[in-house]
Amino acid sequence: MENHFTIEERIQFLISKLRKQVKPIHRDNALRLSADTLEQVETIADIATKAHYLNELAIACIEIKLADKCLEILDRALETTQAIPTRITKVTELIKIGSMYVKLGIEDRGLDLLDRALQLAKTLEDVDERDYALSDLVSACEDIGYNTLAISIAKLV
């Protein structure tokens, strides 16, 4: 029987499967699954889609406490995000990456990325896109406990 799943469906399935590997005894399997998923993600041609799935994979790795693997994936996600031509998409991915670095305890790098996202969001000409990006940034700051920063960004909306 032929496999009729798209690459994106396959990646979503692997990430879902990875999120279930929460016990320490599942660590080897989780590492294997994350490597397999990363390999699949690397085959995606569209840069924005690749960045999205790298971030989804990194989030899954944080959830199951694979910090080292998460850092490896975040580095790739950041590299990929730099090449995204659409500014709103780049802002969205930078916000995800920055907040994940903060969650991993690498606050300086995370805050730097969040600041880059903020500066880029401020340059968006479409008011709806700018407000969406700023609102997304506010939510991310609240999520990582930077409520004062969230309030100051919210005033820009």
Protein backbone atom coordinates (compact mmCIF):
# COMPACT_ATOMS: atom_id res chain seq x y z
CA MET A 1 0.00 0.00 0.00
CA GLU A 2 1.36 3.41 -0.97
CA ASN A 3 1.89 6.21 1.50
CA HIS A 4 -0.27 9.17 0.48
CA PHE A 5 0.69 11.56 3.26
CA THR A 6 2.22 14.91 2.38
CA ILE A 7 5.54 15.83 3.94
CA GLU A 8 3.75 18.30 6.21
CA GLU A 9 1.27 15.67 7.39
CA ARG A 10 4.18 13.33 8.09
CA ILE A 11 5.96 16.02 10.11
CA GLN A 12 2.81 16.83 12.09
CA PHE A 13 2.40 13.14 12.86
CA LEU A 14 6.02 12.81 14.00
CA ILE A 15 5.79 15.90 16.21
CA SER A 16 2.58 14.58 17.74
CA LYS A 17 4.28 11.26 18.40
CA LEU A 18 7.31 13.05 19.87
CA ARG A 19 5.13 14.97 22.34
CA LYS A 20 4.06 11.64 23.86
CA GLN A 21 7.66 10.70 24.75
CA VAL A 22 7.60 12.37 28.17
CA LYS A 23 9.10 9.74 30.47
CA PRO A 24 12.86 9.48 30.99
CA ILE A 25 12.78 5.90 29.73
CA HIS A 26 11.55 7.26 26.38
CA ARG A 27 14.56 9.59 25.96
CA ASP A 28 16.37 7.49 23.34
CA ASN A 29 13.20 7.09 21.32
CA ALA A 30 12.48 10.82 21.65
CA LEU A 31 15.94 11.70 20.38
CA ARG A 32 15.51 9.34 17.45
CA LEU A 33 12.07 10.77 16.66
CA SER A 34 13.33 14.34 16.87
CA ALA A 35 16.22 13.51 14.52
CA ASP A 36 13.84 11.82 12.06
CA THR A 37 11.47 14.77 12.21
CA LEU A 38 14.30 17.25 11.73
CA GLU A 39 15.44 15.29 8.68
CA GLN A 40 11.92 15.52 7.23
CA VAL A 41 11.66 19.24 7.98
CA GLU A 42 14.96 19.91 6.21
CA THR A 43 13.43 18.59 2.96
CA ILE A 44 10.80 21.37 2.85
CA ALA A 45 11.58 23.85 0.10
CA ASP A 46 9.45 26.77 1.29
CA ILE A 47 11.51 28.78 3.79
CA ALA A 48 8.59 30.08 5.86
CA THR A 49 7.05 26.62 6.14
CA LYS A 50 10.41 25.14 7.11
CA ALA A 51 10.89 27.80 9.82
CA HIS A 52 7.38 27.11 11.12
CA TYR A 53 7.99 23.38 11.48
CA LEU A 54 11.45 23.90 12.98
CA ASN A 55 9.78 26.05 15.64
CA GLU A 56 7.04 23.46 16.19
CA LEU A 57 9.69 20.78 16.61
CA ALA A 58 11.63 22.97 19.05
CA ILE A 59 8.47 23.57 21.08
CA ALA A 60 7.87 19.81 21.26
CA CYS A 61 11.45 19.29 22.43
CA ILE A 62 10.98 21.88 25.19
CA GLU A 63 7.76 20.18 26.27
CA ILE A 64 9.51 16.82 26.73
CA LYS A 65 12.63 18.39 28.24
CA LEU A 66 15.14 17.77 25.42
CA ALA A 67 16.91 21.10 25.95
CA ASP A 68 20.08 20.27 24.00
CA LYS A 69 18.11 19.08 20.98
CA CYS A 70 15.89 22.14 21.27
CA LEU A 71 18.91 24.46 21.13
CA GLU A 72 20.20 22.69 18.03
CA ILE A 73 16.82 23.08 16.35
CA LEU A 74 16.46 26.71 17.45
CA ASP A 75 19.80 27.55 15.83
CA ARG A 76 18.54 26.06 12.57
CA ALA A 77 15.20 27.82 12.94
CA LEU A 78 16.90 31.17 13.46
CA GLU A 79 19.13 30.64 10.43
CA THR A 80 16.11 29.71 8.32
CA THR A 81 14.03 32.61 9.65
CA GLN A 82 16.66 35.13 8.55
CA ALA A 83 15.93 34.18 4.93
CA ILE A 84 12.14 34.63 5.15
CA PRO A 85 11.21 37.45 2.75
CA THR A 86 7.80 38.27 4.27
CA ARG A 87 8.30 40.58 7.26
CA ILE A 88 5.13 39.58 9.15
CA THR A 89 6.10 35.91 8.92
CA LYS A 90 9.64 36.71 10.00
CA VAL A 91 8.31 38.62 13.02
CA THR A 92 6.07 35.70 14.01
CA GLU A 93 8.92 33.19 13.83
CA LEU A 94 11.37 35.49 15.67
CA ILE A 95 8.83 35.82 18.49
CA LYS A 96 8.57 32.04 18.81
CA ILE A 97 12.34 31.57 18.76
CA GLY A 98 12.98 34.40 21.22
CA SER A 99 10.44 33.16 23.74
CA MET A 100 11.84 29.63 23.52
CA TYR A 101 15.36 30.88 24.29
CA VAL A 102 13.98 32.66 27.36
CA LYS A 103 12.17 29.49 28.45
CA LEU A 104 15.47 27.61 28.14
CA GLY A 105 17.15 30.16 30.42
CA ILE A 106 19.09 31.98 27.68
CA GLU A 107 17.39 35.27 28.41
CA ASP A 108 19.85 37.66 26.75
CA ARG A 109 19.59 35.94 23.40
CA GLY A 110 15.83 35.51 23.73
CA LEU A 111 15.24 39.15 24.62
CA ASP A 112 17.50 40.25 21.77
CA LEU A 113 15.38 38.24 19.32
CA LEU A 114 12.16 39.60 20.82
CA ASP A 115 13.56 43.12 20.44
CA ARG A 116 14.44 42.39 16.79
CA ALA A 117 10.87 41.17 16.29
CA LEU A 118 9.56 44.37 17.89
CA GLN A 119 11.73 46.61 15.72
CA LEU A 120 10.66 44.73 12.59
CA ALA A 121 6.99 44.80 13.64
CA LYS A 122 7.16 48.58 14.03
CA THR A 123 8.21 48.85 10.36
CA LEU A 124 5.18 46.97 9.03
CA GLU A 125 3.19 49.35 6.85
CA ASP A 126 -0.09 47.44 7.02
CA VAL A 127 -1.72 48.55 10.29
CA ASP A 128 -3.55 45.25 10.76
CA GLU A 129 -0.34 43.26 10.29
CA ARG A 130 1.54 45.56 12.66
CA ASP A 131 -1.15 45.30 15.34
CA TYR A 132 -1.30 41.52 14.90
CA ALA A 133 2.48 41.24 15.26
CA LEU A 134 2.54 43.51 18.31
CA SER A 135 -0.32 41.57 19.91
CA ASP A 136 1.55 38.33 19.25
CA LEU A 137 4.60 39.86 20.90
CA VAL A 138 2.53 40.97 23.91
CA SER A 139 1.21 37.42 24.34
CA ALA A 140 4.71 35.95 24.11
CA CYS A 141 6.04 38.40 26.71
CA GLU A 142 3.18 37.56 29.08
CA ASP A 143 3.78 33.85 28.51
CA ILE A 144 7.42 34.13 29.59
CA GLY A 145 6.65 36.38 32.56
CA TYR A 146 7.76 39.73 31.15
CA ASN A 147 4.54 41.53 32.03
CA THR A 148 6.04 45.03 32.21
CA LEU A 149 7.48 44.61 28.72
CA ALA A 150 4.14 43.24 27.52
CA ILE A 151 2.34 46.33 28.85
CA SER A 152 4.77 48.73 27.17
CA ILE A 153 4.37 46.90 23.83
CA ALA A 154 0.58 46.79 24.22
CA LYS A 155 0.57 50.59 24.35
CA LEU A 156 1.88 50.59 20.76
CA VAL A 157 -1.19 48.77 19.45
